[in-house]
């Protein structure tokens, strides 16, 4: 009973850090500069540590589907966050809170953000589908 609970907690924590990587991938502008990829790597390290621990705690049973579901959940949550930011930034009252600059300039690297989101989504989907196919065979 304790083993699945610990595994789920570790998956959630790893997912949080993967979510951070995906969200930071959209950051752009002069403030971020070349530090963006360093910050993304710093967020990726805990995810790369926690995710193998999470599947090891559960003795690697169904690891492809659990990691795939984690990646797909992160992609879905990140999409919700992006839509939330877009709705906020479209509100003229919210934009007035940033008198110095346009808040859209904080998240304007759509190319790298989209690439990271596509990679996370495809990886998660492939892992989940391959586990489902193996269990049916």
Protein backbone atom coordinates (compact mmCIF):
# COMPACT_ATOMS: atom_id res chain seq x y z
CA UNK A 1 0.00 0.00 0.00
CA UNK A 2 2.84 2.38 0.78
CA UNK A 3 4.83 1.57 -2.36
CA UNK A 4 2.18 2.82 -4.85
CA UNK A 5 1.60 5.96 -2.79
CA UNK A 6 5.29 6.84 -2.78
CA UNK A 7 5.51 6.12 -6.50
CA UNK A 8 2.57 8.43 -7.24
CA UNK A 9 4.06 11.21 -5.11
CA UNK A 10 7.38 10.90 -6.93
CA UNK A 11 5.61 10.93 -10.32
CA UNK A 12 3.77 14.12 -9.33
CA UNK A 13 7.01 15.77 -8.20
CA UNK A 14 8.78 14.74 -11.41
CA UNK A 15 5.82 16.03 -13.39
CA UNK A 16 6.10 19.39 -11.64
CA UNK A 17 9.69 19.77 -12.76
CA UNK A 18 8.88 18.64 -16.32
CA UNK A 19 6.07 21.20 -16.31
CA UNK A 20 8.62 23.84 -15.30
CA UNK A 21 10.83 22.89 -18.22
CA UNK A 22 7.89 23.12 -20.64
CA UNK A 23 6.74 26.48 -19.30
CA UNK A 24 10.22 27.99 -19.27
CA UNK A 25 10.63 26.88 -22.89
CA UNK A 26 8.07 29.53 -23.84
CA UNK A 27 9.93 32.29 -21.99
CA UNK A 28 11.68 34.78 -24.19
CA UNK A 29 12.70 38.37 -24.41
CA UNK A 30 15.73 40.30 -23.28
CA UNK A 31 15.34 39.46 -19.60
CA UNK A 32 15.80 35.74 -20.13
CA UNK A 33 18.63 35.82 -22.64
CA UNK A 34 20.95 32.84 -22.72
CA UNK A 35 20.04 31.74 -19.20
CA UNK A 36 16.83 30.09 -20.38
CA UNK A 37 18.42 26.79 -21.33
CA UNK A 38 20.45 26.72 -18.12
CA UNK A 39 17.28 27.16 -16.10
CA UNK A 40 15.55 24.47 -18.16
CA UNK A 41 18.45 22.09 -17.46
CA UNK A 42 18.30 22.88 -13.75
CA UNK A 43 14.58 22.02 -13.74
CA UNK A 44 15.19 18.86 -15.80
CA UNK A 45 17.75 17.39 -13.37
CA UNK A 46 15.28 16.73 -10.50
CA UNK A 47 12.81 15.26 -12.98
CA UNK A 48 15.48 12.94 -14.36
CA UNK A 49 16.29 11.85 -10.81
CA UNK A 50 12.74 11.51 -9.46
CA UNK A 51 11.18 9.70 -12.43
CA UNK A 52 13.50 6.66 -12.36
CA UNK A 53 13.13 6.49 -8.58
CA UNK A 54 9.34 6.56 -9.00
CA UNK A 55 9.34 3.62 -11.40
CA UNK A 56 11.95 1.75 -9.33
CA UNK A 57 9.84 2.07 -6.18
CA UNK A 58 7.04 0.31 -8.02
CA UNK A 59 9.52 -2.31 -9.27
CA UNK A 60 9.32 -1.17 -12.90
CA UNK A 61 5.84 -2.66 -13.29
CA UNK A 62 4.07 -0.80 -16.07
CA UNK A 63 6.77 1.84 -16.15
CA UNK A 64 6.06 2.86 -19.75
CA UNK A 65 2.43 3.66 -19.07
CA UNK A 66 3.14 5.47 -15.80
CA UNK A 67 5.86 7.62 -17.37
CA UNK A 68 3.70 8.15 -20.46
CA UNK A 69 0.75 9.24 -18.35
CA UNK A 70 3.04 11.59 -16.42
CA UNK A 71 4.27 13.18 -19.66
CA UNK A 72 0.77 13.45 -21.12
CA UNK A 73 -0.56 14.96 -17.89
CA UNK A 74 2.25 17.51 -17.90
CA UNK A 75 1.49 18.43 -21.52
CA UNK A 76 -2.23 18.83 -20.75
CA UNK A 77 -1.57 20.91 -17.64
CA UNK A 78 0.91 23.07 -19.54
CA UNK A 79 -1.64 23.64 -22.29
CA UNK A 80 -4.17 24.77 -19.68
CA UNK A 81 -1.57 27.13 -18.18
CA UNK A 82 -0.77 28.60 -21.61
CA UNK A 83 -4.45 29.18 -22.34
CA UNK A 84 -4.84 30.80 -18.92
CA UNK A 85 -1.91 33.14 -19.57
CA UNK A 86 -3.31 33.99 -23.00
CA UNK A 87 -6.71 34.86 -21.53
CA UNK A 88 -5.09 36.98 -18.83
CA UNK A 89 -2.87 38.84 -21.27
CA UNK A 90 -5.84 39.61 -23.53
CA UNK A 91 -7.60 41.43 -20.68
CA UNK A 92 -6.85 45.18 -20.89
CA UNK A 93 -7.16 45.57 -17.12
CA UNK A 94 -4.51 42.92 -16.53
CA UNK A 95 -2.15 44.52 -19.04
CA UNK A 96 -2.40 47.80 -17.08
CA UNK A 97 -0.65 46.05 -14.17
CA UNK A 98 2.51 46.07 -16.30
CA UNK A 99 3.07 49.73 -17.17
CA UNK A 100 6.74 49.25 -18.11
CA UNK A 101 6.34 46.69 -20.86
CA UNK A 102 3.99 44.36 -22.63
CA UNK A 103 3.48 41.16 -20.61
CA UNK A 104 3.35 39.15 -23.84
CA UNK A 105 7.07 39.79 -24.26
CA UNK A 106 7.76 37.51 -21.29
CA UNK A 107 6.48 34.44 -23.18
CA UNK A 108 7.27 34.99 -26.83
CA UNK A 109 9.54 32.09 -27.78
CA UNK A 110 6.82 30.04 -29.38
CA UNK A 111 9.17 27.90 -31.45
CA UNK A 112 11.15 26.33 -28.60
CA UNK A 113 8.05 26.09 -26.41
CA UNK A 114 6.11 24.31 -29.13
CA UNK A 115 9.01 21.95 -29.87
CA UNK A 116 9.35 21.00 -26.20
CA UNK A 117 5.59 20.49 -25.86
CA UNK A 118 5.47 18.32 -28.98
CA UNK A 119 8.41 16.21 -27.79
CA UNK A 120 6.87 15.70 -24.34
CA UNK A 121 3.45 14.86 -25.82
CA UNK A 122 4.77 12.45 -28.46
CA UNK A 123 7.11 10.75 -25.99
CA UNK A 124 4.30 10.32 -23.48
CA UNK A 125 1.91 9.05 -26.10
CA UNK A 126 4.39 6.57 -27.55
CA UNK A 127 5.30 5.22 -24.12
CA UNK A 128 1.67 4.80 -23.16
CA UNK A 129 0.67 3.18 -26.46
CA UNK A 130 3.64 0.80 -26.45
CA UNK A 131 2.80 -0.38 -22.92
CA UNK A 132 -0.83 -0.95 -23.89
CA UNK A 133 0.21 -2.95 -26.96
CA UNK A 134 2.60 -5.09 -24.92
CA UNK A 135 -0.08 -5.89 -22.36
CA UNK A 136 -2.54 -6.99 -25.07
CA UNK A 137 -0.01 -9.24 -26.82
